[in-house]
Amino acid sequence: MAASCCNNSDAGGNNDPRWRRALWIALAVNFGMFGVEMVAGATSDSRALMADALDFFGDAANYAISLAVAGLALVWRARAALFKGATLLALGLWVLGSSVYAVFAGATPHAETMGIIGLLALLANVGVALILYRFRSGDANMRSVWICSRNDAIGNVAVVAAAVGVFGTGTAWPDLIVAALLAALGISGGIQIIWEARAELQETPELQLAE
């Protein structure tokens, strides 16, 4: 998940125009896929798709923060990360609660929709990883963004596997298990981001007083 590996609130980033252009493309792809997976998850009754959408949201938020606060003071980057962590935590809790509710009242999700959207998400992450590949040997922020995009494909593979499981078993359990795991990663990542952002804010009280 993006939440667990792209949580560097010190995201001042590099002002290389090529790097910023790559981030804008990655931001557009990830934000678009966040919407696609949320809508597809709701219409197909798939909690795994909703949970995987959190991954795209986490990446989109990370790219947006890297672009928006580049060059700003640490206190503003920490505040932006704090907002990102709180939003990711709220979405993760919602997906997890939705998964628990679905155990008792949910219908079996549409495996075909899960598989198609899961494959689309996998292609999107592979495309972003290829775009960012040239920056894999840059600074820590550049490397972390590329590594996250590369590792995100694991979540997409899990969703496709869940679709196969739903199709094979005729039950919602594979979908719910994957959703719970991805939501838990999102919650964990959100808490970690909030913790680190708060620590940075506490380390710069003089900057907060000056604001």
C-alpha atoms as a PDB file:
ATOM      1  CA  MET A   1       0.000   0.000   0.000  1.00  0.00           C
ATOM      2  CA  ALA A   2       0.968   3.560  -0.582  1.00  0.00           C
ATOM      3  CA  ALA A   3       0.084   4.298   2.946  1.00  0.00           C
ATOM      4  CA  SER A   4       2.757   2.027   4.280  1.00  0.00           C
ATOM      5  CA  CYS A   5       5.646   3.002   2.041  1.00  0.00           C
ATOM      6  CA  CYS A   6       4.980   6.489   0.683  1.00  0.00           C
ATOM      7  CA  ASN A   7       4.455   8.154   4.011  1.00  0.00           C
ATOM      8  CA  ASN A   8       7.405  10.523   4.031  1.00  0.00           C
ATOM      9  CA  SER A   9       5.900  13.794   5.201  1.00  0.00           C
ATOM     10  CA  ASP A  10       9.155  15.548   4.357  1.00  0.00           C
ATOM     11  CA  ALA A  11       8.042  15.534   0.757  1.00  0.00           C
ATOM     12  CA  GLY A  12       9.712  18.662  -0.479  1.00  0.00           C
ATOM     13  CA  GLY A  13      10.695  16.702  -3.548  1.00  0.00           C
ATOM     14  CA  ASN A  14      12.860  17.655  -6.470  1.00  0.00           C
ATOM     15  CA  ASN A  15      11.958  20.618  -8.690  1.00  0.00           C
ATOM     16  CA  ASP A  16      13.263  18.979 -11.857  1.00  0.00           C
ATOM     17  CA  PRO A  17      10.585  19.748 -14.519  1.00  0.00           C
ATOM     18  CA  ARG A  18      10.724  16.162 -15.801  1.00  0.00           C
ATOM     19  CA  TRP A  19      10.167  14.837 -12.281  1.00  0.00           C
ATOM     20  CA  ARG A  20       7.249  17.206 -11.701  1.00  0.00           C
ATOM     21  CA  ARG A  21       5.711  16.261 -15.053  1.00  0.00           C
ATOM     22  CA  ALA A  22       5.988  12.579 -14.172  1.00  0.00           C
ATOM     23  CA  LEU A  23       4.335  13.274 -10.814  1.00  0.00           C
ATOM     24  CA  TRP A  24       1.459  15.112 -12.508  1.00  0.00           C
ATOM     25  CA  ILE A  25       0.845  12.112 -14.792  1.00  0.00           C
ATOM     26  CA  ALA A  26       1.049   9.713 -11.852  1.00  0.00           C
ATOM     27  CA  LEU A  27      -1.310  11.933  -9.844  1.00  0.00           C
ATOM     28  CA  ALA A  28      -3.909  11.994 -12.641  1.00  0.00           C
ATOM     29  CA  VAL A  29      -3.747   8.212 -13.160  1.00  0.00           C
ATOM     30  CA  ASN A  30      -3.984   7.396  -9.461  1.00  0.00           C
ATOM     31  CA  PHE A  31      -6.771   9.864  -8.709  1.00  0.00           C
ATOM     32  CA  GLY A  32      -8.728   8.622 -11.721  1.00  0.00           C
ATOM     33  CA  MET A  33      -8.328   4.987 -10.678  1.00  0.00           C
ATOM     34  CA  PHE A  34      -9.362   5.871  -7.118  1.00  0.00           C
ATOM     35  CA  GLY A  35     -12.701   7.078  -8.493  1.00  0.00           C
ATOM     36  CA  VAL A  36     -13.062   4.147 -10.886  1.00  0.00           C
ATOM     37  CA  GLU A  37     -12.439   1.532  -8.193  1.00  0.00           C
ATOM     38  CA  MET A  38     -14.707   3.223  -5.657  1.00  0.00           C
ATOM     39  CA  VAL A  39     -17.595   3.374  -8.140  1.00  0.00           C
ATOM     40  CA  ALA A  40     -16.922  -0.143  -9.444  1.00  0.00           C
ATOM     41  CA  GLY A  41     -16.639  -1.472  -5.907  1.00  0.00           C
ATOM     42  CA  ALA A  42     -19.986   0.068  -4.941  1.00  0.00           C
ATOM     43  CA  THR A  43     -21.815  -1.113  -8.060  1.00  0.00           C
ATOM     44  CA  SER A  44     -20.340  -4.630  -7.971  1.00  0.00           C
ATOM     45  CA  ASP A  45     -20.616  -4.912  -4.166  1.00  0.00           C
ATOM     46  CA  SER A  46     -16.874  -5.599  -3.956  1.00  0.00           C
ATOM     47  CA  ARG A  47     -15.163  -4.445  -0.784  1.00  0.00           C
ATOM     48  CA  ALA A  48     -11.782  -5.513  -2.163  1.00  0.00           C
ATOM     49  CA  LEU A  49     -12.081  -2.977  -4.982  1.00  0.00           C
ATOM     50  CA  MET A  50     -13.019  -0.270  -2.473  1.00  0.00           C
ATOM     51  CA  ALA A  51     -10.025  -1.201  -0.323  1.00  0.00           C
ATOM     52  CA  ASP A  52      -7.674  -1.190  -3.305  1.00  0.00           C
ATOM     53  CA  ALA A  53      -9.028   2.265  -4.170  1.00  0.00           C
ATOM     54  CA  LEU A  54      -7.441   3.424  -0.896  1.00  0.00           C
ATOM     55  CA  ASP A  55      -4.090   2.477  -2.377  1.00  0.00           C
ATOM     56  CA  PHE A  56      -4.666   4.784  -5.328  1.00  0.00           C
ATOM     57  CA  PHE A  57      -5.879   7.521  -3.009  1.00  0.00           C
ATOM     58  CA  GLY A  58      -2.753   7.196  -0.875  1.00  0.00           C
ATOM     59  CA  ASP A  59      -0.501   7.477  -3.932  1.00  0.00           C
ATOM     60  CA  ALA A  60      -2.485  10.398  -5.378  1.00  0.00           C
ATOM     61  CA  ALA A  61      -2.273  12.215  -2.049  1.00  0.00           C
ATOM     62  CA  ASN A  62       1.460  11.562  -1.859  1.00  0.00           C
ATOM     63  CA  TYR A  63       2.049  12.919  -5.366  1.00  0.00           C
ATOM     64  CA  ALA A  64      -0.177  15.935  -4.690  1.00  0.00           C
ATOM     65  CA  ILE A  65       1.692  16.729  -1.481  1.00  0.00           C
ATOM     66  CA  SER A  66       5.045  16.388  -3.247  1.00  0.00           C
ATOM     67  CA  LEU A  67       3.877  18.847  -5.899  1.00  0.00           C
ATOM     68  CA  ALA A  68       1.954  21.300  -3.703  1.00  0.00           C
ATOM     69  CA  VAL A  69       4.427  21.753  -0.860  1.00  0.00           C
ATOM     70  CA  ALA A  70       7.701  21.474  -2.739  1.00  0.00           C
ATOM     71  CA  GLY A  71      10.028  24.087  -1.323  1.00  0.00           C
ATOM     72  CA  LEU A  72       7.723  25.056   1.545  1.00  0.00           C
ATOM     73  CA  ALA A  73       8.655  24.937   5.213  1.00  0.00           C
ATOM     74  CA  LEU A  74       8.611  21.605   7.032  1.00  0.00           C
ATOM     75  CA  VAL A  75       5.645  22.683   9.161  1.00  0.00           C
ATOM     76  CA  TRP A  76       3.434  22.994   6.066  1.00  0.00           C
ATOM     77  CA  ARG A  77       4.587  19.656   4.679  1.00  0.00           C
ATOM     78  CA  ALA A  78       3.826  18.051   8.050  1.00  0.00           C
ATOM     79  CA  ARG A  79       0.362  19.619   8.107  1.00  0.00           C
ATOM     80  CA  ALA A  80      -0.351  18.333   4.612  1.00  0.00           C
ATOM     81  CA  ALA A  81       0.784  14.847   5.620  1.00  0.00           C
ATOM     82  CA  LEU A  82      -1.392  15.036   8.747  1.00  0.00           C
ATOM     83  CA  PHE A  83      -4.455  15.734   6.602  1.00  0.00           C
ATOM     84  CA  LYS A  84      -3.513  12.902   4.243  1.00  0.00           C
ATOM     85  CA  GLY A  85      -3.102  10.454   7.131  1.00  0.00           C
ATOM     86  CA  ALA A  86      -6.411  11.421   8.729  1.00  0.00           C
ATOM     87  CA  THR A  87      -8.275  11.015   5.430  1.00  0.00           C
ATOM     88  CA  LEU A  88      -6.641   7.669   4.712  1.00  0.00           C
ATOM     89  CA  LEU A  89      -7.452   6.457   8.226  1.00  0.00           C
ATOM     90  CA  ALA A  90     -11.108   7.475   7.855  1.00  0.00           C
ATOM     91  CA  LEU A  91     -11.441   5.736   4.488  1.00  0.00           C
ATOM     92  CA  GLY A  92      -9.740   2.606   5.818  1.00  0.00           C
ATOM     93  CA  LEU A  93     -12.113   2.428   8.782  1.00  0.00           C
ATOM     94  CA  TRP A  94     -15.083   2.912   6.475  1.00  0.00           C
ATOM     95  CA  VAL A  95     -13.995   0.078   4.154  1.00  0.00           C
ATOM     96  CA  LEU A  96     -13.261  -2.203   7.110  1.00  0.00           C
ATOM     97  CA  GLY A  97     -16.650  -1.436   8.667  1.00  0.00           C
ATOM     98  CA  SER A  98     -18.315  -1.996   5.312  1.00  0.00           C
ATOM     99  CA  SER A  99     -16.571  -5.373   5.034  1.00  0.00           C
ATOM    100  CA  VAL A 100     -17.770  -6.419   8.490  1.00  0.00           C
ATOM    101  CA  TYR A 101     -21.309  -5.340   7.603  1.00  0.00           C
ATOM    102  CA  ALA A 102     -21.121  -7.316   4.352  1.00  0.00           C
ATOM    103  CA  VAL A 103     -20.368 -10.499   6.312  1.00  0.00           C
ATOM    104  CA  PHE A 104     -23.922 -10.373   7.633  1.00  0.00           C
ATOM    105  CA  ALA A 105     -25.843  -8.473   4.972  1.00  0.00           C
ATOM    106  CA  GLY A 106     -23.741  -8.222   1.838  1.00  0.00           C
ATOM    107  CA  ALA A 107     -24.340 -10.020  -1.444  1.00  0.00           C
ATOM    108  CA  THR A 108     -21.787 -11.975  -3.430  1.00  0.00           C
ATOM    109  CA  PRO A 109     -19.817  -9.461  -5.537  1.00  0.00           C
ATOM    110  CA  HIS A 110     -19.622  -9.626  -9.319  1.00  0.00           C
ATOM    111  CA  ALA A 111     -16.426 -11.550 -10.015  1.00  0.00           C
ATOM    112  CA  GLU A 112     -16.274 -10.396 -13.641  1.00  0.00           C
ATOM    113  CA  THR A 113     -16.296  -6.717 -12.683  1.00  0.00           C
ATOM    114  CA  MET A 114     -13.713  -7.347  -9.979  1.00  0.00           C
ATOM    115  CA  GLY A 115     -11.419  -9.102 -12.446  1.00  0.00           C
ATOM    116  CA  ILE A 116     -11.731  -6.470 -15.173  1.00  0.00           C
ATOM    117  CA  ILE A 117     -11.194  -3.500 -12.854  1.00  0.00           C
ATOM    118  CA  GLY A 118      -8.410  -5.339 -11.018  1.00  0.00           C
ATOM    119  CA  LEU A 119      -6.558  -5.903 -14.288  1.00  0.00           C
ATOM    120  CA  LEU A 120      -7.141  -2.270 -15.303  1.00  0.00           C
ATOM    121  CA  ALA A 121      -5.694  -1.151 -11.971  1.00  0.00           C
ATOM    122  CA  LEU A 122      -2.696  -3.432 -12.470  1.00  0.00           C
ATOM    123  CA  LEU A 123      -2.034  -1.925 -15.903  1.00  0.00           C
ATOM    124  CA  ALA A 124      -2.348   1.585 -14.435  1.00  0.00           C
ATOM    125  CA  ASN A 125       0.213   0.870 -11.719  1.00  0.00           C
ATOM    126  CA  VAL A 126       2.609  -0.778 -14.159  1.00  0.00           C
ATOM    127  CA  GLY A 127       2.301   2.254 -16.447  1.00  0.00           C
ATOM    128  CA  VAL A 128       3.042   4.661 -13.591  1.00  0.00           C
ATOM    129  CA  ALA A 129       5.989   2.537 -12.481  1.00  0.00           C
ATOM    130  CA  LEU A 130       7.432   2.670 -16.005  1.00  0.00           C
ATOM    131  CA  ILE A 131       7.026   6.460 -16.104  1.00  0.00           C
ATOM    132  CA  LEU A 132       8.832   6.810 -12.775  1.00  0.00           C
ATOM    133  CA  TYR A 133      11.465   4.156 -13.584  1.00  0.00           C
ATOM    134  CA  ARG A 134      13.973   6.723 -14.841  1.00  0.00           C
ATOM    135  CA  PHE A 135      13.932   8.388 -11.404  1.00  0.00           C
ATOM    136  CA  ARG A 136      14.530   5.191  -9.413  1.00  0.00           C
ATOM    137  CA  SER A 137      18.137   6.185  -8.655  1.00  0.00           C
ATOM    138  CA  GLY A 138      17.356   9.757  -7.571  1.00  0.00           C
ATOM    139  CA  ASP A 139      17.028  11.036  -4.024  1.00  0.00           C
ATOM    140  CA  ALA A 140      15.135   9.214  -1.255  1.00  0.00           C
ATOM    141  CA  ASN A 141      11.818  10.833  -2.148  1.00  0.00           C
ATOM    142  CA  MET A 142      12.144   9.847  -5.813  1.00  0.00           C
ATOM    143  CA  ARG A 143      13.122   6.283  -4.966  1.00  0.00           C
ATOM    144  CA  SER A 144      10.265   5.877  -2.483  1.00  0.00           C
ATOM    145  CA  VAL A 145       7.675   7.040  -5.011  1.00  0.00           C
ATOM    146  CA  TRP A 146       8.915   4.621  -7.659  1.00  0.00           C
ATOM    147  CA  ILE A 147       9.158   1.715  -5.209  1.00  0.00           C
ATOM    148  CA  CYS A 148       5.612   2.369  -4.026  1.00  0.00           C
ATOM    149  CA  SER A 149       4.249   2.373  -7.571  1.00  0.00           C
ATOM    150  CA  ARG A 150       6.063  -0.876  -8.245  1.00  0.00           C
ATOM    151  CA  ASN A 151       4.837  -2.527  -5.044  1.00  0.00           C
ATOM    152  CA  ASP A 152       1.252  -1.366  -5.496  1.00  0.00           C
ATOM    153  CA  ALA A 153       0.821  -3.972  -8.210  1.00  0.00           C
ATOM    154  CA  ILE A 154       0.767  -6.562  -5.416  1.00  0.00           C
ATOM    155  CA  GLY A 155      -2.545  -5.175  -4.180  1.00  0.00           C
ATOM    156  CA  ASN A 156      -3.955  -5.319  -7.691  1.00  0.00           C
ATOM    157  CA  VAL A 157      -2.891  -8.941  -8.055  1.00  0.00           C
ATOM    158  CA  ALA A 158      -4.626  -9.663  -4.742  1.00  0.00           C
ATOM    159  CA  VAL A 159      -7.870  -8.166  -6.070  1.00  0.00           C
ATOM    160  CA  VAL A 160      -7.668 -10.279  -9.236  1.00  0.00           C
ATOM    161  CA  ALA A 161      -7.002 -13.337  -7.066  1.00  0.00           C
ATOM    162  CA  ALA A 162     -10.050 -12.431  -4.975  1.00  0.00           C
ATOM    163  CA  ALA A 163     -12.135 -12.222  -8.161  1.00  0.00           C
ATOM    164  CA  VAL A 164     -10.986 -15.699  -9.149  1.00  0.00           C
ATOM    165  CA  GLY A 165     -11.820 -16.918  -5.654  1.00  0.00           C
ATOM    166  CA  VAL A 166     -15.307 -15.409  -5.751  1.00  0.00           C
ATOM    167  CA  PHE A 167     -15.924 -16.939  -9.170  1.00  0.00           C
ATOM    168  CA  GLY A 168     -14.650 -20.343  -8.071  1.00  0.00           C
ATOM    169  CA  THR A 169     -16.389 -20.540  -4.689  1.00  0.00           C
ATOM    170  CA  GLY A 170     -19.536 -18.563  -5.408  1.00  0.00           C
ATOM    171  CA  THR A 171     -19.120 -16.796  -2.057  1.00  0.00           C
ATOM    172  CA  ALA A 172     -18.006 -13.335  -0.972  1.00  0.00           C
ATOM    173  CA  TRP A 173     -15.326 -14.600   1.423  1.00  0.00           C
ATOM    174  CA  PRO A 174     -12.296 -14.137  -0.898  1.00  0.00           C
ATOM    175  CA  ASP A 175     -13.409 -10.555  -1.570  1.00  0.00           C
ATOM    176  CA  LEU A 176     -13.958  -9.804   2.119  1.00  0.00           C
ATOM    177  CA  ILE A 177     -10.631 -11.297   3.196  1.00  0.00           C
ATOM    178  CA  VAL A 178      -8.650  -9.246   0.665  1.00  0.00           C
ATOM    179  CA  ALA A 179     -10.680  -6.130   1.541  1.00  0.00           C
ATOM    180  CA  ALA A 180      -9.971  -6.561   5.242  1.00  0.00           C
ATOM    181  CA  LEU A 181      -6.237  -6.996   4.634  1.00  0.00           C
ATOM    182  CA  LEU A 182      -5.972  -3.955   2.352  1.00  0.00           C
ATOM    183  CA  ALA A 183      -8.136  -1.830   4.651  1.00  0.00           C
ATOM    184  CA  ALA A 184      -5.986  -2.836   7.625  1.00  0.00           C
ATOM    185  CA  LEU A 185      -2.869  -1.743   5.722  1.00  0.00           C
ATOM    186  CA  GLY A 186      -4.553   1.563   4.928  1.00  0.00           C
ATOM    187  CA  ILE A 187      -5.503   2.103   8.578  1.00  0.00           C
ATOM    188  CA  SER A 188      -1.993   1.202   9.728  1.00  0.00           C
ATOM    189  CA  GLY A 189      -0.443   3.526   7.190  1.00  0.00           C
ATOM    190  CA  GLY A 190      -2.794   6.370   8.110  1.00  0.00           C
ATOM    191  CA  ILE A 191      -1.908   6.037  11.790  1.00  0.00           C
ATOM    192  CA  GLN A 192       1.805   5.945  10.975  1.00  0.00           C
ATOM    193  CA  ILE A 193       1.538   9.078   8.809  1.00  0.00           C
ATOM    194  CA  ILE A 194      -0.386  10.933  11.541  1.00  0.00           C
ATOM    195  CA  TRP A 195       2.161   9.864  14.176  1.00  0.00           C
ATOM    196  CA  GLU A 196       5.134  11.031  12.121  1.00  0.00           C
ATOM    197  CA  ALA A 197       3.450  14.295  11.083  1.00  0.00           C
ATOM    198  CA  ARG A 198       2.541  15.129  14.689  1.00  0.00           C
ATOM    199  CA  ALA A 199       6.120  14.392  15.771  1.00  0.00           C
ATOM    200  CA  GLU A 200       7.454  16.804  13.154  1.00  0.00           C
ATOM    201  CA  LEU A 201       4.971  19.483  14.213  1.00  0.00           C
ATOM    202  CA  GLN A 202       6.020  19.068  17.838  1.00  0.00           C
ATOM    203  CA  GLU A 203       9.662  19.450  16.817  1.00  0.00           C
ATOM    204  CA  THR A 204       8.972  22.834  15.174  1.00  0.00           C
ATOM    205  CA  PRO A 205       6.932  24.799  17.743  1.00  0.00           C
ATOM    206  CA  GLU A 206       8.696  28.009  16.878  1.00  0.00           C
ATOM    207  CA  LEU A 207       7.478  27.724  13.289  1.00  0.00           C
ATOM    208  CA  GLN A 208       3.893  27.173  14.432  1.00  0.00           C
ATOM    209  CA  LEU A 209       4.048  30.233  16.700  1.00  0.00           C
ATOM    210  CA  ALA A 210       5.338  32.295  13.827  1.00  0.00           C
ATOM    211  CA  GLU A 211       2.448  31.286  11.552  1.00  0.00           C
END
